Amino acid sequence: MKKLIFIFVLMCLFSCGDYIDKPKNLIPKDQMAEIMADLYINDQATFMYPNTNLEAGTRYILKTHNVKSQDFVESFKYYVVKEQMSSIADDAQKIILEKDPKADQYVKDKKNKTGNLQNPPALSR
């Protein structure tokens, strides 16, 4: 019985470690925020022009930032697991607002209209 409890305690201690190792080519947070801002803009462009290719835009953005897609995916996973993606997304939003000051007024109007952008109203059938 003591061995079983000892094994259980050891398993709990080892399971509290990091869930993911730091990627070899980790993208810095500031560059990740710039990439995310460009990806958000690219995503919105596909809504305005439905016949555009989202994948081609994504490849172009990663190429302009000199980032491989695998490095981006690994860095994205790392920041999500480390719970740092929300701060990166906030930085990306600031970058977007710097690029387009009119977007700031649009966001403020949407916040005033709905009260909160994070929780959109539920859709009814």
C-alpha atoms as a PDB file:
ATOM      1  CA  MET A   1       0.000   0.000   0.000  1.00  0.00           C
ATOM      2  CA  LYS A   2       2.836   2.398   0.839  1.00  0.00           C
ATOM      3  CA  LYS A   3       4.451   1.689  -2.537  1.00  0.00           C
ATOM      4  CA  LEU A   4       1.202   2.485  -4.306  1.00  0.00           C
ATOM      5  CA  ILE A   5       0.852   5.815  -2.489  1.00  0.00           C
ATOM      6  CA  PHE A   6       4.516   6.615  -3.167  1.00  0.00           C
ATOM      7  CA  ILE A   7       4.070   5.914  -6.890  1.00  0.00           C
ATOM      8  CA  PHE A   8       0.934   8.057  -6.975  1.00  0.00           C
ATOM      9  CA  VAL A   9       2.741  10.968  -5.292  1.00  0.00           C
ATOM     10  CA  LEU A  10       5.666  10.677  -7.735  1.00  0.00           C
ATOM     11  CA  MET A  11       3.283  10.679 -10.680  1.00  0.00           C
ATOM     12  CA  CYS A  12       1.612  13.830  -9.383  1.00  0.00           C
ATOM     13  CA  LEU A  13       4.962  15.577  -8.958  1.00  0.00           C
ATOM     14  CA  PHE A  14       6.179  14.711 -12.442  1.00  0.00           C
ATOM     15  CA  SER A  15       2.882  15.626 -14.061  1.00  0.00           C
ATOM     16  CA  CYS A  16       3.138  19.198 -12.748  1.00  0.00           C
ATOM     17  CA  GLY A  17       6.017  20.025 -15.111  1.00  0.00           C
ATOM     18  CA  ASP A  18       5.888  21.839 -18.414  1.00  0.00           C
ATOM     19  CA  TYR A  19       3.469  20.444 -20.939  1.00  0.00           C
ATOM     20  CA  ILE A  20       5.502  21.569 -23.902  1.00  0.00           C
ATOM     21  CA  ASP A  21       9.166  22.176 -24.556  1.00  0.00           C
ATOM     22  CA  LYS A  22      10.373  25.507 -25.870  1.00  0.00           C
ATOM     23  CA  PRO A  23      10.618  25.272 -29.672  1.00  0.00           C
ATOM     24  CA  LYS A  24      14.055  25.503 -31.240  1.00  0.00           C
ATOM     25  CA  ASN A  25      13.005  28.405 -33.489  1.00  0.00           C
ATOM     26  CA  LEU A  26      10.646  30.224 -31.131  1.00  0.00           C
ATOM     27  CA  ILE A  27       9.252  33.407 -32.649  1.00  0.00           C
ATOM     28  CA  PRO A  28       9.640  36.407 -30.292  1.00  0.00           C
ATOM     29  CA  LYS A  29       6.417  37.808 -28.824  1.00  0.00           C
ATOM     30  CA  ASP A  30       6.641  41.148 -30.640  1.00  0.00           C
ATOM     31  CA  GLN A  31       7.141  39.492 -34.019  1.00  0.00           C
ATOM     32  CA  MET A  32       4.347  37.026 -33.234  1.00  0.00           C
ATOM     33  CA  ALA A  33       2.032  39.974 -32.508  1.00  0.00           C
ATOM     34  CA  GLU A  34       2.943  41.576 -35.846  1.00  0.00           C
ATOM     35  CA  ILE A  35       2.248  38.313 -37.678  1.00  0.00           C
ATOM     36  CA  MET A  36      -1.064  37.881 -35.856  1.00  0.00           C
ATOM     37  CA  ALA A  37      -2.095  41.440 -36.766  1.00  0.00           C
ATOM     38  CA  ASP A  38      -1.349  40.787 -40.425  1.00  0.00           C
ATOM     39  CA  LEU A  39      -3.227  37.487 -40.267  1.00  0.00           C
ATOM     40  CA  TYR A  40      -6.270  39.237 -38.751  1.00  0.00           C
ATOM     41  CA  ILE A  41      -6.240  41.791 -41.560  1.00  0.00           C
ATOM     42  CA  ASN A  42      -5.880  38.996 -44.121  1.00  0.00           C
ATOM     43  CA  ASP A  43      -8.812  37.172 -42.549  1.00  0.00           C
ATOM     44  CA  GLN A  44     -11.012  40.256 -42.784  1.00  0.00           C
ATOM     45  CA  ALA A  45     -10.017  40.744 -46.419  1.00  0.00           C
ATOM     46  CA  THR A  46     -11.421  37.294 -47.226  1.00  0.00           C
ATOM     47  CA  PHE A  47     -14.793  38.403 -45.833  1.00  0.00           C
ATOM     48  CA  MET A  48     -14.797  41.499 -48.015  1.00  0.00           C
ATOM     49  CA  TYR A  49     -13.583  39.622 -51.094  1.00  0.00           C
ATOM     50  CA  PRO A  50     -14.995  36.080 -50.800  1.00  0.00           C
ATOM     51  CA  ASN A  51     -13.231  34.726 -53.888  1.00  0.00           C
ATOM     52  CA  THR A  52      -9.752  35.403 -52.479  1.00  0.00           C
ATOM     53  CA  ASN A  53      -7.462  32.661 -51.271  1.00  0.00           C
ATOM     54  CA  LEU A  54      -6.820  32.773 -47.521  1.00  0.00           C
ATOM     55  CA  GLU A  55      -4.000  30.244 -47.770  1.00  0.00           C
ATOM     56  CA  ALA A  56      -2.060  32.293 -50.314  1.00  0.00           C
ATOM     57  CA  GLY A  57      -2.374  35.364 -48.107  1.00  0.00           C
ATOM     58  CA  THR A  58      -1.148  33.421 -45.089  1.00  0.00           C
ATOM     59  CA  ARG A  59       1.863  32.125 -47.014  1.00  0.00           C
ATOM     60  CA  TYR A  60       2.677  35.659 -48.173  1.00  0.00           C
ATOM     61  CA  ILE A  61       2.493  37.028 -44.618  1.00  0.00           C
ATOM     62  CA  LEU A  62       4.777  34.319 -43.239  1.00  0.00           C
ATOM     63  CA  LYS A  63       7.190  34.859 -46.140  1.00  0.00           C
ATOM     64  CA  THR A  64       7.351  38.633 -45.543  1.00  0.00           C
ATOM     65  CA  HIS A  65       8.195  38.009 -41.883  1.00  0.00           C
ATOM     66  CA  ASN A  66      10.790  35.339 -42.838  1.00  0.00           C
ATOM     67  CA  VAL A  67       9.024  32.687 -40.752  1.00  0.00           C
ATOM     68  CA  LYS A  68       8.464  29.069 -41.689  1.00  0.00           C
ATOM     69  CA  SER A  69       4.953  27.738 -41.232  1.00  0.00           C
ATOM     70  CA  GLN A  70       6.159  24.949 -38.930  1.00  0.00           C
ATOM     71  CA  ASP A  71       7.958  27.469 -36.697  1.00  0.00           C
ATOM     72  CA  PHE A  72       4.813  29.588 -36.535  1.00  0.00           C
ATOM     73  CA  VAL A  73       2.644  26.600 -35.566  1.00  0.00           C
ATOM     74  CA  GLU A  74       5.106  25.421 -32.901  1.00  0.00           C
ATOM     75  CA  SER A  75       5.453  28.937 -31.469  1.00  0.00           C
ATOM     76  CA  PHE A  76       1.660  29.382 -31.480  1.00  0.00           C
ATOM     77  CA  LYS A  77       1.186  26.115 -29.566  1.00  0.00           C
ATOM     78  CA  TYR A  78       3.912  27.074 -27.103  1.00  0.00           C
ATOM     79  CA  TYR A  79       2.391  30.474 -26.345  1.00  0.00           C
ATOM     80  CA  VAL A  80      -1.094  28.969 -25.981  1.00  0.00           C
ATOM     81  CA  VAL A  81       0.100  26.351 -23.505  1.00  0.00           C
ATOM     82  CA  LYS A  82       2.113  28.957 -21.582  1.00  0.00           C
ATOM     83  CA  GLU A  83      -1.024  31.168 -21.476  1.00  0.00           C
ATOM     84  CA  GLN A  84       0.734  34.086 -23.144  1.00  0.00           C
ATOM     85  CA  MET A  85      -1.387  34.237 -26.287  1.00  0.00           C
ATOM     86  CA  SER A  86      -3.914  36.694 -24.841  1.00  0.00           C
ATOM     87  CA  SER A  87      -1.206  39.318 -24.291  1.00  0.00           C
ATOM     88  CA  ILE A  88       0.112  38.687 -27.807  1.00  0.00           C
ATOM     89  CA  ALA A  89      -3.410  39.109 -29.196  1.00  0.00           C
ATOM     90  CA  ASP A  90      -3.768  42.384 -27.269  1.00  0.00           C
ATOM     91  CA  ASP A  91      -0.492  43.604 -28.764  1.00  0.00           C
ATOM     92  CA  ALA A  92      -1.727  42.568 -32.220  1.00  0.00           C
ATOM     93  CA  GLN A  93      -4.913  44.583 -31.669  1.00  0.00           C
ATOM     94  CA  LYS A  94      -2.812  47.628 -30.740  1.00  0.00           C
ATOM     95  CA  ILE A  95      -0.784  47.186 -33.934  1.00  0.00           C
ATOM     96  CA  ILE A  96      -3.986  47.046 -35.996  1.00  0.00           C
ATOM     97  CA  LEU A  97      -5.307  50.191 -34.315  1.00  0.00           C
ATOM     98  CA  GLU A  98      -2.019  51.976 -35.051  1.00  0.00           C
ATOM     99  CA  LYS A  99      -2.256  50.978 -38.721  1.00  0.00           C
ATOM    100  CA  ASP A 100      -5.882  52.100 -39.028  1.00  0.00           C
ATOM    101  CA  PRO A 101      -7.047  54.737 -36.525  1.00  0.00           C
ATOM    102  CA  LYS A 102     -10.611  54.491 -37.863  1.00  0.00           C
ATOM    103  CA  ALA A 103     -10.741  50.935 -36.565  1.00  0.00           C
ATOM    104  CA  ASP A 104     -10.449  52.287 -33.021  1.00  0.00           C
ATOM    105  CA  GLN A 105     -13.720  54.189 -33.343  1.00  0.00           C
ATOM    106  CA  TYR A 106     -15.360  51.133 -34.922  1.00  0.00           C
ATOM    107  CA  VAL A 107     -14.294  48.942 -31.985  1.00  0.00           C
ATOM    108  CA  LYS A 108     -15.532  51.521 -29.462  1.00  0.00           C
ATOM    109  CA  ASP A 109     -18.893  51.745 -31.262  1.00  0.00           C
ATOM    110  CA  LYS A 110     -19.236  47.972 -31.260  1.00  0.00           C
ATOM    111  CA  LYS A 111     -18.373  47.805 -27.556  1.00  0.00           C
ATOM    112  CA  ASN A 112     -20.988  50.445 -26.737  1.00  0.00           C
ATOM    113  CA  LYS A 113     -23.601  48.711 -28.863  1.00  0.00           C
ATOM    114  CA  THR A 114     -23.089  45.167 -27.547  1.00  0.00           C
ATOM    115  CA  GLY A 115     -21.444  45.945 -24.233  1.00  0.00           C
ATOM    116  CA  ASN A 116     -18.662  43.423 -24.754  1.00  0.00           C
ATOM    117  CA  LEU A 117     -16.873  42.115 -27.835  1.00  0.00           C
ATOM    118  CA  GLN A 118     -15.577  38.984 -26.139  1.00  0.00           C
ATOM    119  CA  ASN A 119     -19.013  37.440 -25.584  1.00  0.00           C
ATOM    120  CA  PRO A 120     -21.215  38.019 -28.627  1.00  0.00           C
ATOM    121  CA  PRO A 121     -24.960  37.631 -28.208  1.00  0.00           C
ATOM    122  CA  ALA A 122     -26.304  34.105 -28.539  1.00  0.00           C
ATOM    123  CA  LEU A 123     -27.840  33.169 -31.834  1.00  0.00           C
ATOM    124  CA  SER A 124     -31.460  32.122 -31.746  1.00  0.00           C
ATOM    125  CA  ARG A 125     -33.069  29.669 -34.112  1.00  0.00           C
END
